[in-house]
């Protein structure tokens, strides 16, 4: 008994036209297209994990010593400025009541400043200061580039191209306004240098580097370069002692003894009200 012969596949009927073999060719091309989609997705996955496509400002960010709750959360779009002198620009912002939330520091191809703005929004930073310093031009590597065949049926072509880029040291500082109660007297003081201590005959004191506009130190007439010896007769050479003076003399006007250009002076300074956390104790 002979086996029944299988029926021949019917020719593909497309738009009323009997076109033998077209279905087979379309299926073959469909497999090619599917394979190329997989290749494209794999390429995109590789790009996703490539550090060159990440946000360097986020990846290399470090918080400083203040808490985010110390700052006024900015509701306006962050502003970004390019700096030639980070120290001077930082000082100007400190004088306006800002402080650093944190910073990013890295080197490589010049990063897109839009990424700095994007990250600044997530930490409610109001101002970003960036600095770039050219290091060298790096060349000699290769990069494989793949692209679809135009006018074809889904194939990919590509090739290796030489890579050359400028490498920069890059630093970004992220600032926001401090809450008024976190500014206290409104001065930034540094420990005395050996020369300063020798000149006044004591290591106790603070050398004023920054005066915040509109705060008690500003209103008292303190200037950058002054050396503070005492406030209300108390040593204020450490942050703990400054906090103690603020607690003991809250809302009072007290004398502040200073050395200005080698000469002693006494000014009057208004001690800020005690922080809410202290007032509840």
Foldseek 3Di string as FASTA:
>chain_A
DDDDDDDDDQADQDPNDRDRPPVVVVVVLVVLQVVLVVVVVVVVVVVVPPPVPDQQFVVQKDFDDDDLVQFDQAPDQAEEEEDPDVVVVQQVVLQAQKHFRIKGKDKDFDDDCVSVSVVLNVSRFRYKYKYKAWDAKDWDDWDWDKDFDPPDSTDIDIDIDIDIGIMITMMMTTMGGGDVLVCWQFWDWDFDDPVRCVLVVHRFWTQTQHGHPPGQCVVQPDDHGKTWQDWLPFGDRDPVRSLVCLLVQAQHKTWIWIADPSRIDITITGGHHRPPVSVVD
